[in-house]
Structure formats: structure tokens, C-alpha cells
Amino acid sequence: MPTYSFNNATPFEAIQVGEYISDDLAAMGMTQKELSQRTGIPAPHINQIIKGKRRITAEQSIAIAQIMGYEDALLYMLQAQHDIDKAKLAKQNDVKSSMLKIAAVL
């Protein structure tokens, strides 16, 4: 009998890494512009990462982590988890769509 594992669980949603950054910036009282100035990452890139329109790179993860007090790899790992969750949700939606097509034929 197969065992259940959280590694095989399908998430309810894929959380963008930018949501974590945005929440922590607010908690720290820091603006995106300040983060940009302190990290050397262009402000439009910071904004696009926060809005989920740009993936964070390893270099950006390290730079932001050093300013915000994270482990260097944290944001990069959260980006990878987001990508995995997004793929699982897409697969789940494909299965649901196929089931609906089959049910419509019956």
C-alpha cells in the first residue's frame, strides 16, 4: 500500500517568493527602493520579483538575504518550491480537465 507523504501533496496555491519579501519589507519598515539601493539590484527588478513577474536568481537571493537577515539560499529555495508547486497545480488541473471531458461524453 502506498504511503502518504507531504512531498507528494498538491498545494492549494503556489506562493511567490516576492510575497515573503514584501511581507518582511513591511515588517522591517523598508521600501523596495531602499532594498534596491542596499543590494545593488535595480529597483524595477525588485518590484518585478515582488509582483511575481520575475524569478529570483541565486545572486539576488544572496544579496537580499544579507540585507534582510535570511540564510543565503532561502529565497532561491522558496523560488524552486514555487516552481514545483506551480507544476503540481498545472498537472492537477490537466487531470481535472481530462476527467470533465470524459464525464461530458458519458
C-alpha atoms as a PDB file:
ATOM      1  CA  MET A   1       0.000   0.000   0.000  1.00  0.00           C
ATOM      2  CA  PRO A   2       1.417   3.442  -0.904  1.00  0.00           C
ATOM      3  CA  THR A   3       2.192   5.736   1.977  1.00  0.00           C
ATOM      4  CA  TYR A   4       1.200   9.373   2.065  1.00  0.00           C
ATOM      5  CA  SER A   5       3.943  11.954   2.018  1.00  0.00           C
ATOM      6  CA  PHE A   6       3.820  15.729   2.107  1.00  0.00           C
ATOM      7  CA  ASN A   7       6.350  15.613  -0.744  1.00  0.00           C
ATOM      8  CA  ASN A   8       3.564  14.227  -2.924  1.00  0.00           C
ATOM      9  CA  ALA A   9       0.912  16.638  -1.710  1.00  0.00           C
ATOM     10  CA  THR A  10      -0.563  19.119  -4.144  1.00  0.00           C
ATOM     11  CA  PRO A  11      -0.628  22.617  -2.645  1.00  0.00           C
ATOM     12  CA  PHE A  12      -3.706  24.841  -2.683  1.00  0.00           C
ATOM     13  CA  GLU A  13      -1.653  27.595  -4.310  1.00  0.00           C
ATOM     14  CA  ALA A  14       1.890  28.358  -5.367  1.00  0.00           C
ATOM     15  CA  ILE A  15       3.239  31.189  -3.214  1.00  0.00           C
ATOM     16  CA  GLN A  16       5.512  33.653  -4.989  1.00  0.00           C
ATOM     17  CA  VAL A  17       8.848  34.375  -3.325  1.00  0.00           C
ATOM     18  CA  GLY A  18       8.004  38.063  -3.666  1.00  0.00           C
ATOM     19  CA  GLU A  19       5.188  37.678  -1.153  1.00  0.00           C
ATOM     20  CA  TYR A  20       7.715  36.715   1.516  1.00  0.00           C
ATOM     21  CA  ILE A  21       9.987  39.621   0.612  1.00  0.00           C
ATOM     22  CA  SER A  22       7.090  42.081   0.564  1.00  0.00           C
ATOM     23  CA  ASP A  23       5.803  40.960   3.976  1.00  0.00           C
ATOM     24  CA  ASP A  24       9.251  41.194   5.541  1.00  0.00           C
ATOM     25  CA  LEU A  25       9.989  44.580   3.963  1.00  0.00           C
ATOM     26  CA  ALA A  26       6.794  45.896   5.558  1.00  0.00           C
ATOM     27  CA  ALA A  27       7.727  44.374   8.917  1.00  0.00           C
ATOM     28  CA  MET A  28      11.185  45.968   8.695  1.00  0.00           C
ATOM     29  CA  GLY A  29       9.815  49.338   7.584  1.00  0.00           C
ATOM     30  CA  MET A  30      11.978  49.183   4.455  1.00  0.00           C
ATOM     31  CA  THR A  31      10.910  50.216   0.967  1.00  0.00           C
ATOM     32  CA  GLN A  32      11.657  48.452  -2.288  1.00  0.00           C
ATOM     33  CA  LYS A  33      13.813  51.440  -3.234  1.00  0.00           C
ATOM     34  CA  GLU A  34      15.884  51.089  -0.049  1.00  0.00           C
ATOM     35  CA  LEU A  35      16.315  47.362  -0.680  1.00  0.00           C
ATOM     36  CA  SER A  36      17.414  48.154  -4.215  1.00  0.00           C
ATOM     37  CA  GLN A  37      19.971  50.703  -3.013  1.00  0.00           C
ATOM     38  CA  ARG A  38      21.347  48.383  -0.330  1.00  0.00           C
ATOM     39  CA  THR A  39      21.604  45.325  -2.583  1.00  0.00           C
ATOM     40  CA  GLY A  40      22.556  46.934  -5.869  1.00  0.00           C
ATOM     41  CA  ILE A  41      19.656  45.143  -7.561  1.00  0.00           C
ATOM     42  CA  PRO A  42      17.797  47.538  -9.897  1.00  0.00           C
ATOM     43  CA  ALA A  43      14.529  48.762  -8.367  1.00  0.00           C
ATOM     44  CA  PRO A  44      12.433  47.521 -11.325  1.00  0.00           C
ATOM     45  CA  HIS A  45      13.852  44.014 -10.785  1.00  0.00           C
ATOM     46  CA  ILE A  46      12.965  44.114  -7.076  1.00  0.00           C
ATOM     47  CA  ASN A  47       9.446  45.225  -7.987  1.00  0.00           C
ATOM     48  CA  GLN A  48       9.066  42.507 -10.627  1.00  0.00           C
ATOM     49  CA  ILE A  49      10.282  39.825  -8.190  1.00  0.00           C
ATOM     50  CA  ILE A  50       7.803  41.048  -5.567  1.00  0.00           C
ATOM     51  CA  LYS A  51       4.955  41.061  -8.098  1.00  0.00           C
ATOM     52  CA  GLY A  52       5.871  37.559  -9.304  1.00  0.00           C
ATOM     53  CA  LYS A  53       6.779  38.732 -12.791  1.00  0.00           C
ATOM     54  CA  ARG A  54      10.459  37.823 -12.470  1.00  0.00           C
ATOM     55  CA  ARG A  55      12.187  34.807 -10.960  1.00  0.00           C
ATOM     56  CA  ILE A  56      14.813  35.486  -8.341  1.00  0.00           C
ATOM     57  CA  THR A  57      18.360  34.485  -9.254  1.00  0.00           C
ATOM     58  CA  ALA A  58      20.878  32.884  -6.900  1.00  0.00           C
ATOM     59  CA  GLU A  59      22.868  36.121  -6.849  1.00  0.00           C
ATOM     60  CA  GLN A  60      19.792  38.180  -5.997  1.00  0.00           C
ATOM     61  CA  SER A  61      18.813  35.683  -3.308  1.00  0.00           C
ATOM     62  CA  ILE A  62      22.189  36.086  -1.621  1.00  0.00           C
ATOM     63  CA  ALA A  63      22.173  39.884  -1.882  1.00  0.00           C
ATOM     64  CA  ILE A  64      18.666  40.210  -0.431  1.00  0.00           C
ATOM     65  CA  ALA A  65      19.367  37.605   2.257  1.00  0.00           C
ATOM     66  CA  GLN A  66      22.380  39.527   3.520  1.00  0.00           C
ATOM     67  CA  ILE A  67      20.296  42.677   3.972  1.00  0.00           C
ATOM     68  CA  MET A  68      17.182  41.022   5.393  1.00  0.00           C
ATOM     69  CA  GLY A  69      18.890  38.504   7.670  1.00  0.00           C
ATOM     70  CA  TYR A  70      17.933  35.324   5.818  1.00  0.00           C
ATOM     71  CA  GLU A  71      20.077  32.310   5.074  1.00  0.00           C
ATOM     72  CA  ASP A  72      21.718  32.856   1.682  1.00  0.00           C
ATOM     73  CA  ALA A  73      19.782  30.115  -0.116  1.00  0.00           C
ATOM     74  CA  LEU A  74      16.351  30.692   1.460  1.00  0.00           C
ATOM     75  CA  LEU A  75      14.770  32.827  -1.261  1.00  0.00           C
ATOM     76  CA  TYR A  76      16.234  30.689  -4.022  1.00  0.00           C
ATOM     77  CA  MET A  77      14.800  27.566  -2.372  1.00  0.00           C
ATOM     78  CA  LEU A  78      11.423  29.282  -1.996  1.00  0.00           C
ATOM     79  CA  GLN A  79      11.561  30.111  -5.725  1.00  0.00           C
ATOM     80  CA  ALA A  80      12.239  26.457  -6.501  1.00  0.00           C
ATOM     81  CA  GLN A  81       9.355  25.366  -4.243  1.00  0.00           C
ATOM     82  CA  HIS A  82       7.066  27.840  -6.000  1.00  0.00           C
ATOM     83  CA  ASP A  83       8.045  26.375  -9.363  1.00  0.00           C
ATOM     84  CA  ILE A  84       7.389  22.820  -8.144  1.00  0.00           C
ATOM     85  CA  ASP A  85       4.038  23.789  -6.620  1.00  0.00           C
ATOM     86  CA  LYS A  86       3.036  25.583  -9.825  1.00  0.00           C
ATOM     87  CA  ALA A  87       3.877  22.478 -11.879  1.00  0.00           C
ATOM     88  CA  LYS A  88       1.877  20.241  -9.498  1.00  0.00           C
ATOM     89  CA  LEU A  89      -1.121  22.553  -9.752  1.00  0.00           C
ATOM     90  CA  ALA A  90      -0.903  22.586 -13.548  1.00  0.00           C
ATOM     91  CA  LYS A  91      -0.773  18.786 -13.591  1.00  0.00           C
ATOM     92  CA  GLN A  92      -3.740  18.578 -11.230  1.00  0.00           C
ATOM     93  CA  ASN A  93      -5.709  20.970 -13.450  1.00  0.00           C
ATOM     94  CA  ASP A  94      -4.889  18.856 -16.517  1.00  0.00           C
ATOM     95  CA  VAL A  95      -6.230  15.762 -14.760  1.00  0.00           C
ATOM     96  CA  LYS A  96      -9.406  17.580 -13.707  1.00  0.00           C
ATOM     97  CA  SER A  97      -9.904  18.862 -17.243  1.00  0.00           C
ATOM     98  CA  SER A  98      -9.499  15.346 -18.659  1.00  0.00           C
ATOM     99  CA  MET A  99     -11.983  13.974 -16.145  1.00  0.00           C
ATOM    100  CA  LEU A 100     -14.528  16.637 -17.077  1.00  0.00           C
ATOM    101  CA  LYS A 101     -14.144  15.769 -20.773  1.00  0.00           C
ATOM    102  CA  ILE A 102     -14.697  12.086 -20.017  1.00  0.00           C
ATOM    103  CA  ALA A 103     -17.718  12.855 -17.837  1.00  0.00           C
ATOM    104  CA  ALA A 104     -19.211  15.013 -20.622  1.00  0.00           C
ATOM    105  CA  VAL A 105     -19.036  12.059 -23.027  1.00  0.00           C
ATOM    106  CA  LEU A 106     -20.782   9.722 -20.578  1.00  0.00           C
END
